[in-house]
Amino acid sequence: AVAGAGLSLSSMCDLCVAATTTRFHPAYAQIGV
């Protein structure tokens, strides 16, 4: 799981590599933030 601040962090670093089974989720609006 790469969600919320985890997703934001992955976008803020210079490069990102991932396992093919990774799932990304914004998860902010869902909880009202």
Full PDB file with SEQRES, HELIX, SHEET, SSBOND, CRYST1, ORIGX, SCALE, CONECT and MASTER records, all heavy atoms in Angstrom:
SEQRES   1 A   33  ALA VAL ALA GLY ALA GLY LEU SER LEU SER SER MET CYS          
SEQRES   2 A   33  ASP LEU CYS VAL ALA ALA THR THR THR ARG PHE HIS PRO          
SEQRES   3 A   33  ALA TYR ALA GLN ILE GLY VAL                                  
HELIX    1 AA1 ALA A    5  MET A   12  1                                   8    
HELIX    2 AA2 ALA A   29  ILE A   31  5                                   3    
SHEET    1 AA1 2 VAL A   2  ALA A   3  0                                        
SHEET    2 AA1 2 PHE A  24  HIS A  25  1                                        
CRYST1    1.000    1.000    1.000  90.00  90.00  90.00 P 1           1          
ORIGX1      1.000000  0.000000  0.000000        0.00000                         
ORIGX2      0.000000  1.000000  0.000000        0.00000                         
ORIGX3      0.000000  0.000000  1.000000        0.00000                         
SCALE1      1.000000  0.000000  0.000000        0.00000                         
SCALE2      0.000000  1.000000  0.000000        0.00000                         
SCALE3      0.000000  0.000000  1.000000        0.00000                         
ATOM      1  N   ALA A   1       0.831  -1.202   0.000  1.00  0.00           N  
ATOM      2  CA  ALA A   1       0.000   0.000   0.000  1.00  0.00           C  
ATOM      3  C   ALA A   1       0.865   1.252   0.000  1.00  0.00           C  
ATOM      4  O   ALA A   1       1.809   1.366   0.777  1.00  0.00           O  
ATOM      5  CB  ALA A   1      -0.904   0.005   1.223  1.00  0.00           C  
ATOM      6  N   VAL A   2       0.538   2.171  -0.907  1.00  0.00           N  
ATOM      7  CA  VAL A   2       1.182   3.490  -0.964  1.00  0.00           C  
ATOM      8  C   VAL A   2       0.028   4.495  -0.952  1.00  0.00           C  
ATOM      9  O   VAL A   2      -0.569   4.779  -1.990  1.00  0.00           O  
ATOM     10  CB  VAL A   2       2.043   3.657  -2.227  1.00  0.00           C  
ATOM     11  CG1 VAL A   2       2.754   4.997  -2.221  1.00  0.00           C  
ATOM     12  CG2 VAL A   2       3.051   2.522  -2.340  1.00  0.00           C  
ATOM     13  N   ALA A   3      -0.301   5.000   0.232  1.00  0.00           N  
ATOM     14  CA  ALA A   3      -1.528   5.775   0.372  1.00  0.00           C  
ATOM     15  C   ALA A   3      -1.281   7.086   1.106  1.00  0.00           C  
ATOM     16  O   ALA A   3      -0.348   7.196   1.906  1.00  0.00           O  
ATOM     17  CB  ALA A   3      -2.581   4.961   1.123  1.00  0.00           C  
ATOM     18  N   GLY A   4      -2.129   8.076   0.836  1.00  0.00           N  
ATOM     19  CA  GLY A   4      -2.063   9.347   1.552  1.00  0.00           C  
ATOM     20  C   GLY A   4      -0.678   9.945   1.532  1.00  0.00           C  
ATOM     21  O   GLY A   4      -0.093  10.175   0.464  1.00  0.00           O  
ATOM     22  N   ALA A   5      -0.115  10.202   2.719  1.00  0.00           N  
ATOM     23  CA  ALA A   5       1.214  10.796   2.810  1.00  0.00           C  
ATOM     24  C   ALA A   5       2.286   9.903   2.204  1.00  0.00           C  
ATOM     25  O   ALA A   5       3.329  10.389   1.761  1.00  0.00           O  
ATOM     26  CB  ALA A   5       1.549  11.092   4.274  1.00  0.00           C  
ATOM     27  N   GLY A   6       2.047   8.591   2.166  1.00  0.00           N  
ATOM     28  CA  GLY A   6       2.985   7.688   1.496  1.00  0.00           C  
ATOM     29  C   GLY A   6       3.051   7.959   0.012  1.00  0.00           C  
ATOM     30  O   GLY A   6       4.128   7.955  -0.602  1.00  0.00           O  
ATOM     31  N   LEU A   7       1.885   8.201  -0.599  1.00  0.00           N  
ATOM     32  CA  LEU A   7       1.837   8.550  -2.017  1.00  0.00           C  
ATOM     33  C   LEU A   7       2.490   9.907  -2.256  1.00  0.00           C  
ATOM     34  O   LEU A   7       3.267  10.079  -3.204  1.00  0.00           O  
ATOM     35  CB  LEU A   7       0.381   8.563  -2.493  1.00  0.00           C  
ATOM     36  CG  LEU A   7       0.123   8.990  -3.936  1.00  0.00           C  
ATOM     37  CD1 LEU A   7       0.846   8.085  -4.918  1.00  0.00           C  
ATOM     38  CD2 LEU A   7      -1.370   9.010  -4.226  1.00  0.00           C  
ATOM     39  N   SER A   8       2.186  10.869  -1.396  1.00  0.00           N  
ATOM     40  CA  SER A   8       2.789  12.198  -1.539  1.00  0.00           C  
ATOM     41  C   SER A   8       4.308  12.110  -1.441  1.00  0.00           C  
ATOM     42  O   SER A   8       5.030  12.706  -2.245  1.00  0.00           O  
ATOM     43  CB  SER A   8       2.252  13.143  -0.460  1.00  0.00           C  
ATOM     44  OG  SER A   8       0.881  13.406  -0.645  1.00  0.00           O  
ATOM     45  N   LEU A   9       4.820  11.350  -0.456  1.00  0.00           N  
ATOM     46  CA  LEU A   9       6.261  11.193  -0.293  1.00  0.00           C  
ATOM     47  C   LEU A   9       6.889  10.597  -1.534  1.00  0.00           C  
ATOM     48  O   LEU A   9       7.948  11.048  -1.992  1.00  0.00           O  
ATOM     49  CB  LEU A   9       6.551  10.312   0.931  1.00  0.00           C  
ATOM     50  CG  LEU A   9       8.007   9.896   1.155  1.00  0.00           C  
ATOM     51  CD1 LEU A   9       8.912  11.114   1.308  1.00  0.00           C  
ATOM     52  CD2 LEU A   9       8.120   8.992   2.379  1.00  0.00           C  
ATOM     53  N   SER A  10       6.248   9.589  -2.120  1.00  0.00           N  
ATOM     54  CA  SER A  10       6.815   8.955  -3.312  1.00  0.00           C  
ATOM     55  C   SER A  10       6.922   9.934  -4.472  1.00  0.00           C  
ATOM     56  O   SER A  10       7.823   9.824  -5.301  1.00  0.00           O  
ATOM     57  CB  SER A  10       5.974   7.738  -3.716  1.00  0.00           C  
ATOM     58  OG  SER A  10       4.729   8.122  -4.257  1.00  0.00           O  
ATOM     59  N   SER A  11       6.017  10.909  -4.511  1.00  0.00           N  
ATOM     60  CA  SER A  11       6.058  11.902  -5.594  1.00  0.00           C  
ATOM     61  C   SER A  11       7.058  13.012  -5.333  1.00  0.00           C  
ATOM     62  O   SER A  11       7.479  13.707  -6.257  1.00  0.00           O  
ATOM     63  CB  SER A  11       4.666  12.514  -5.805  1.00  0.00           C  
ATOM     64  OG  SER A  11       4.332  13.449  -4.787  1.00  0.00           O  
ATOM     65  N   MET A  12       7.445  13.202  -4.076  1.00  0.00           N  
ATOM     66  CA  MET A  12       8.355  14.288  -3.718  1.00  0.00           C  
ATOM     67  C   MET A  12       9.823  13.910  -3.852  1.00  0.00           C  
ATOM     68  O   MET A  12      10.688  14.777  -3.899  1.00  0.00           O  
ATOM     69  CB  MET A  12       8.085  14.740  -2.282  1.00  0.00           C  
ATOM     70  CG  MET A  12       6.893  15.668  -2.147  1.00  0.00           C  
ATOM     71  SD  MET A  12       7.207  17.272  -2.910  1.00  0.00           S  
ATOM     72  CE  MET A  12       8.324  18.005  -1.705  1.00  0.00           C  
ATOM     73  N   CYS A  13      10.117  12.621  -3.885  1.00  0.00           N  
ATOM     74  CA  CYS A  13      11.500  12.183  -4.038  1.00  0.00           C  
ATOM     75  C   CYS A  13      11.904  12.254  -5.513  1.00  0.00           C  
ATOM     76  O   CYS A  13      11.070  12.427  -6.389  1.00  0.00           O  
ATOM     77  CB  CYS A  13      11.661  10.782  -3.461  1.00  0.00           C  
ATOM     78  SG  CYS A  13      11.376  10.747  -1.669  1.00  0.00           S  
ATOM     79  N   ASP A  14      13.190  12.112  -5.769  1.00  0.00           N  
ATOM     80  CA  ASP A  14      13.688  12.315  -7.128  1.00  0.00           C  
ATOM     81  C   ASP A  14      13.210  11.238  -8.087  1.00  0.00           C  
ATOM     82  O   ASP A  14      12.857  11.528  -9.231  1.00  0.00           O  
ATOM     83  CB  ASP A  14      15.219  12.358  -7.112  1.00  0.00           C  
ATOM     84  CG  ASP A  14      15.747  13.469  -6.228  1.00  0.00           C  
ATOM     85  OD1 ASP A  14      15.227  14.593  -6.326  1.00  0.00           O  
ATOM     86  OD2 ASP A  14      16.668  13.214  -5.428  1.00  0.00           O  
ATOM     87  N   LEU A  15      13.211   9.995  -7.637  1.00  0.00           N  
ATOM     88  CA  LEU A  15      12.807   8.862  -8.474  1.00  0.00           C  
ATOM     89  C   LEU A  15      12.067   7.855  -7.612  1.00  0.00           C  
ATOM     90  O   LEU A  15      12.233   7.830  -6.392  1.00  0.00           O  
ATOM     91  CB  LEU A  15      14.033   8.191  -9.100  1.00  0.00           C  
ATOM     92  CG  LEU A  15      14.863   9.030 -10.087  1.00  0.00           C  
ATOM     93  CD1 LEU A  15      16.204   8.356 -10.358  1.00  0.00           C  
ATOM     94  CD2 LEU A  15      14.104   9.244 -11.384  1.00  0.00           C  
ATOM     95  N   CYS A  16      11.260   7.021  -8.251  1.00  0.00           N  
ATOM     96  CA  CYS A  16      10.498   6.005  -7.530  1.00  0.00           C  
ATOM     97  C   CYS A  16      10.526   4.705  -8.323  1.00  0.00           C  
ATOM     98  O   CYS A  16      10.289   4.708  -9.537  1.00  0.00           O  
ATOM     99  CB  CYS A  16       9.054   6.476  -7.332  1.00  0.00           C  
ATOM    100  SG  CYS A  16       7.991   5.267  -6.494  1.00  0.00           S  
ATOM    101  N   VAL A  17      10.827   3.598  -7.635  1.00  0.00           N  
ATOM    102  CA  VAL A  17      10.692   2.268  -8.222  1.00  0.00           C  
ATOM    103  C   VAL A  17       9.672   1.509  -7.402  1.00  0.00           C  
ATOM    104  O   VAL A  17       9.442   1.822  -6.229  1.00  0.00           O  
ATOM    105  CB  VAL A  17      12.039   1.520  -8.273  1.00  0.00           C  
ATOM    106  CG1 VAL A  17      13.035   2.267  -9.141  1.00  0.00           C  
ATOM    107  CG2 VAL A  17      12.619   1.317  -6.878  1.00  0.00           C  
ATOM    108  N   ALA A  18       9.032   0.516  -8.022  1.00  0.00           N  
ATOM    109  CA  ALA A  18       7.908  -0.129  -7.347  1.00  0.00           C  
ATOM    110  C   ALA A  18       7.823  -1.608  -7.671  1.00  0.00           C  
ATOM    111  O   ALA A  18       8.213  -2.046  -8.758  1.00  0.00           O  
ATOM    112  CB  ALA A  18       6.602   0.559  -7.741  1.00  0.00           C  
ATOM    113  N   ALA A  19       7.275  -2.368  -6.725  1.00  0.00           N  
ATOM    114  CA  ALA A  19       6.893  -3.751  -6.993  1.00  0.00           C  
ATOM    115  C   ALA A  19       5.664  -3.732  -7.899  1.00  0.00           C  
ATOM    116  O   ALA A  19       4.805  -2.851  -7.788  1.00  0.00           O  
ATOM    117  CB  ALA A  19       6.577  -4.470  -5.685  1.00  0.00           C  
ATOM    118  N   THR A  20       5.571  -4.708  -8.781  1.00  0.00           N  
ATOM    119  CA  THR A  20       4.463  -4.732  -9.738  1.00  0.00           C  
ATOM    120  C   THR A  20       3.111  -4.923  -9.065  1.00  0.00           C  
ATOM    121  O   THR A  20       2.074  -4.640  -9.664  1.00  0.00           O  
ATOM    122  CB  THR A  20       4.684  -5.855 -10.765  1.00  0.00           C  
ATOM    123  OG1 THR A  20       4.947  -7.085 -10.069  1.00  0.00           O  
ATOM    124  CG2 THR A  20       5.861  -5.543 -11.679  1.00  0.00           C  
ATOM    125  N   THR A  21       3.108  -5.383  -7.820  1.00  0.00           N  
ATOM    126  CA  THR A  21       1.856  -5.604  -7.082  1.00  0.00           C  
ATOM    127  C   THR A  21       1.422  -4.393  -6.262  1.00  0.00           C  
ATOM    128  O   THR A  21       0.411  -4.450  -5.557  1.00  0.00           O  
ATOM    129  CB  THR A  21       2.027  -6.805  -6.126  1.00  0.00           C  
ATOM    130  OG1 THR A  21       3.212  -6.606  -5.340  1.00  0.00           O  
ATOM    131  CG2 THR A  21       2.157  -8.107  -6.902  1.00  0.00           C  
ATOM    132  N   THR A  22       2.165  -3.293  -6.350  1.00  0.00           N  
ATOM    133  CA  THR A  22       1.870  -2.104  -5.539  1.00  0.00           C  
ATOM    134  C   THR A  22       0.526  -1.493  -5.904  1.00  0.00           C  
ATOM    135  O   THR A  22       0.149  -1.444  -7.080  1.00  0.00           O  
ATOM    136  CB  THR A  22       2.979  -1.047  -5.730  1.00  0.00           C  
ATOM    137  OG1 THR A  22       4.245  -1.654  -5.476  1.00  0.00           O  
ATOM    138  CG2 THR A  22       2.790   0.132  -4.795  1.00  0.00           C  
ATOM    139  N   ARG A  23      -0.179  -0.992  -4.880  1.00  0.00           N  
ATOM    140  CA  ARG A  23      -1.416  -0.247  -5.088  1.00  0.00           C  
ATOM    141  C   ARG A  23      -1.250   1.150  -4.516  1.00  0.00           C  
ATOM    142  O   ARG A  23      -0.792   1.325  -3.384  1.00  0.00           O  
ATOM    143  CB  ARG A  23      -2.596  -0.941  -4.395  1.00  0.00           C  
ATOM    144  CG  ARG A  23      -2.982  -2.270  -4.985  1.00  0.00           C  
ATOM    145  CD  ARG A  23      -3.639  -2.142  -6.332  1.00  0.00           C  
ATOM    146  NE  ARG A  23      -4.965  -1.545  -6.239  1.00  0.00           N  
ATOM    147  CZ  ARG A  23      -5.738  -1.265  -7.305  1.00  0.00           C  
ATOM    148  NH1 ARG A  23      -5.294  -1.498  -8.524  1.00  0.00           N  
ATOM    149  NH2 ARG A  23      -6.926  -0.735  -7.139  1.00  0.00           N  
ATOM    150  N   PHE A  24      -1.634   2.151  -5.302  1.00  0.00           N  
ATOM    151  CA  PHE A  24      -1.517   3.555  -4.913  1.00  0.00           C  
ATOM    152  C   PHE A  24      -2.916   4.108  -4.650  1.00  0.00           C  
ATOM    153  O   PHE A  24      -3.846   3.839  -5.409  1.00  0.00           O  
ATOM    154  CB  PHE A  24      -0.856   4.354  -6.036  1.00  0.00           C  
ATOM    155  CG  PHE A  24       0.534   3.889  -6.390  1.00  0.00           C  
ATOM    156  CD1 PHE A  24       0.735   2.810  -7.249  1.00  0.00           C  
ATOM    157  CD2 PHE A  24       1.656   4.525  -5.874  1.00  0.00           C  
ATOM    158  CE1 PHE A  24       2.006   2.382  -7.582  1.00  0.00           C  
ATOM    159  CE2 PHE A  24       2.935   4.109  -6.196  1.00  0.00           C  
ATOM    160  CZ  PHE A  24       3.112   3.036  -7.058  1.00  0.00           C  
ATOM    161  N   HIS A  25      -3.040   4.899  -3.582  1.00  0.00           N  
ATOM    162  CA  HIS A  25      -4.358   5.462  -3.253  1.00  0.00           C  
ATOM    163  C   HIS A  25      -4.179   6.845  -2.635  1.00  0.00           C  
ATOM    164  O   HIS A  25      -3.490   6.990  -1.625  1.00  0.00           O  
ATOM    165  CB  HIS A  25      -5.097   4.560  -2.265  1.00  0.00           C  
ATOM    166  CG  HIS A  25      -6.579   4.779  -2.252  1.00  0.00           C  
ATOM    167  ND1 HIS A  25      -7.143   6.029  -2.095  1.00  0.00           N  
ATOM    168  CD2 HIS A  25      -7.617   3.922  -2.381  1.00  0.00           C  
ATOM    169  CE1 HIS A  25      -8.448   5.935  -2.137  1.00  0.00           C  
ATOM    170  NE2 HIS A  25      -8.777   4.666  -2.305  1.00  0.00           N  
ATOM    171  N   PRO A  26      -4.823   7.888  -3.207  1.00  0.00           N  
ATOM    172  CA  PRO A  26      -4.716   9.235  -2.632  1.00  0.00           C  
ATOM    173  C   PRO A  26      -5.182   9.283  -1.175  1.00  0.00           C  
ATOM    174  O   PRO A  26      -4.492   9.838  -0.315  1.00  0.00           O  
ATOM    175  CB  PRO A  26      -5.590  10.093  -3.531  1.00  0.00           C  
ATOM    176  CG  PRO A  26      -5.590   9.370  -4.836  1.00  0.00           C  
ATOM    177  CD  PRO A  26      -5.543   7.906  -4.496  1.00  0.00           C  
ATOM    178  N   ALA A  27      -6.362   8.738  -0.882  1.00  0.00           N  
ATOM    179  CA  ALA A  27      -6.859   8.538   0.499  1.00  0.00           C  
ATOM    180  C   ALA A  27      -6.985   9.792   1.343  1.00  0.00           C  
ATOM    181  O   ALA A  27      -7.025   9.704   2.567  1.00  0.00           O  
ATOM    182  CB  ALA A  27      -5.975   7.516   1.231  1.00  0.00           C  
ATOM    183  N   TYR A  28      -7.059  10.953   0.739  1.00  0.00           N  
ATOM    184  CA  TYR A  28      -7.239  12.192   1.516  1.00  0.00           C  
ATOM    185  C   TYR A  28      -8.713  12.600   1.562  1.00  0.00           C  
ATOM    186  O   TYR A  28      -9.304  12.694   2.636  1.00  0.00           O  
ATOM    187  CB  TYR A  28      -6.419  13.331   0.898  1.00  0.00           C  
ATOM    188  CG  TYR A  28      -4.933  13.256   1.140  1.00  0.00           C  
ATOM    189  CD1 TYR A  28      -4.063  12.927   0.110  1.00  0.00           C  
ATOM    190  CD2 TYR A  28      -4.386  13.528   2.387  1.00  0.00           C  
ATOM    191  CE1 TYR A  28      -2.691  12.875   0.311  1.00  0.00           C  
ATOM    192  CE2 TYR A  28      -3.022  13.474   2.611  1.00  0.00           C  
ATOM    193  CZ  TYR A  28      -2.176  13.152   1.564  1.00  0.00           C  
ATOM    194  OH  TYR A  28      -0.828  13.097   1.786  1.00  0.00           O  
ATOM    195  N   ALA A  29      -9.299  12.860   0.393  1.00  0.00           N  
ATOM    196  CA  ALA A  29     -10.694  13.311   0.357  1.00  0.00           C  
ATOM    197  C   ALA A  29     -11.624  12.296   1.003  1.00  0.00           C  
ATOM    198  O   ALA A  29     -12.638  12.653   1.588  1.00  0.00           O  
ATOM    199  CB  ALA A  29     -11.114  13.582  -1.091  1.00  0.00           C  
ATOM    200  N   GLN A  30     -11.251  11.027   0.922  1.00  0.00           N  
ATOM    201  CA  GLN A  30     -12.065   9.951   1.487  1.00  0.00           C  
ATOM    202  C   GLN A  30     -12.293  10.139   2.979  1.00  0.00           C  
ATOM    203  O   GLN A  30     -13.357   9.811   3.500  1.00  0.00           O  
ATOM    204  CB  GLN A  30     -11.375   8.611   1.214  1.00  0.00           C  
ATOM    205  CG  GLN A  30     -12.100   7.404   1.772  1.00  0.00           C  
ATOM    206  CD  GLN A  30     -11.346   6.113   1.470  1.00  0.00           C  
ATOM    207  OE1 GLN A  30     -10.565   6.044   0.544  1.00  0.00           O  
ATOM    208  NE2 GLN A  30     -11.568   5.104   2.285  1.00  0.00           N  
ATOM    209  N   ILE A  31     -11.276  10.675   3.683  1.00  0.00           N  
ATOM    210  CA  ILE A  31     -11.449  10.901   5.130  1.00  0.00           C  
ATOM    211  C   ILE A  31     -11.713  12.376   5.447  1.00  0.00           C  
ATOM    212  O   ILE A  31     -11.735  12.768   6.609  1.00  0.00           O  
ATOM    213  CB  ILE A  31     -10.239  10.385   5.929  1.00  0.00           C  
ATOM    214  CG1 ILE A  31      -8.957  11.136   5.550  1.00  0.00           C  
ATOM    215  CG2 ILE A  31     -10.068   8.894   5.757  1.00  0.00           C  
ATOM    216  CD1 ILE A  31      -7.796  10.866   6.495  1.00  0.00           C  
ATOM    217  N   GLY A  32     -11.883  13.189   4.405  1.00  0.00           N  
ATOM    218  CA  GLY A  32     -12.295  14.572   4.616  1.00  0.00           C  
ATOM    219  C   GLY A  32     -11.180  15.562   4.846  1.00  0.00           C  
ATOM    220  O   GLY A  32     -11.375  16.552   5.550  1.00  0.00           O  
ATOM    221  N   VAL A  33      -9.982  15.317   4.258  1.00  0.00           N  
ATOM    222  CA  VAL A  33      -8.867  16.251   4.425  1.00  0.00           C  
ATOM    223  C   VAL A  33      -8.218  16.556   3.074  1.00  0.00           C  
ATOM    224  O   VAL A  33      -8.381  15.807   2.104  1.00  0.00           O  
ATOM    225  CB  VAL A  33      -7.795  15.702   5.404  1.00  0.00           C  
ATOM    226  CG1 VAL A  33      -8.382  15.512   6.786  1.00  0.00           C  
ATOM    227  CG2 VAL A  33      -7.176  14.411   4.883  1.00  0.00           C  
TER     228      VAL A  33                                                      
MASTER        0    0    0    2    2    0    0    6  227    1    0    3          
END                                                                             
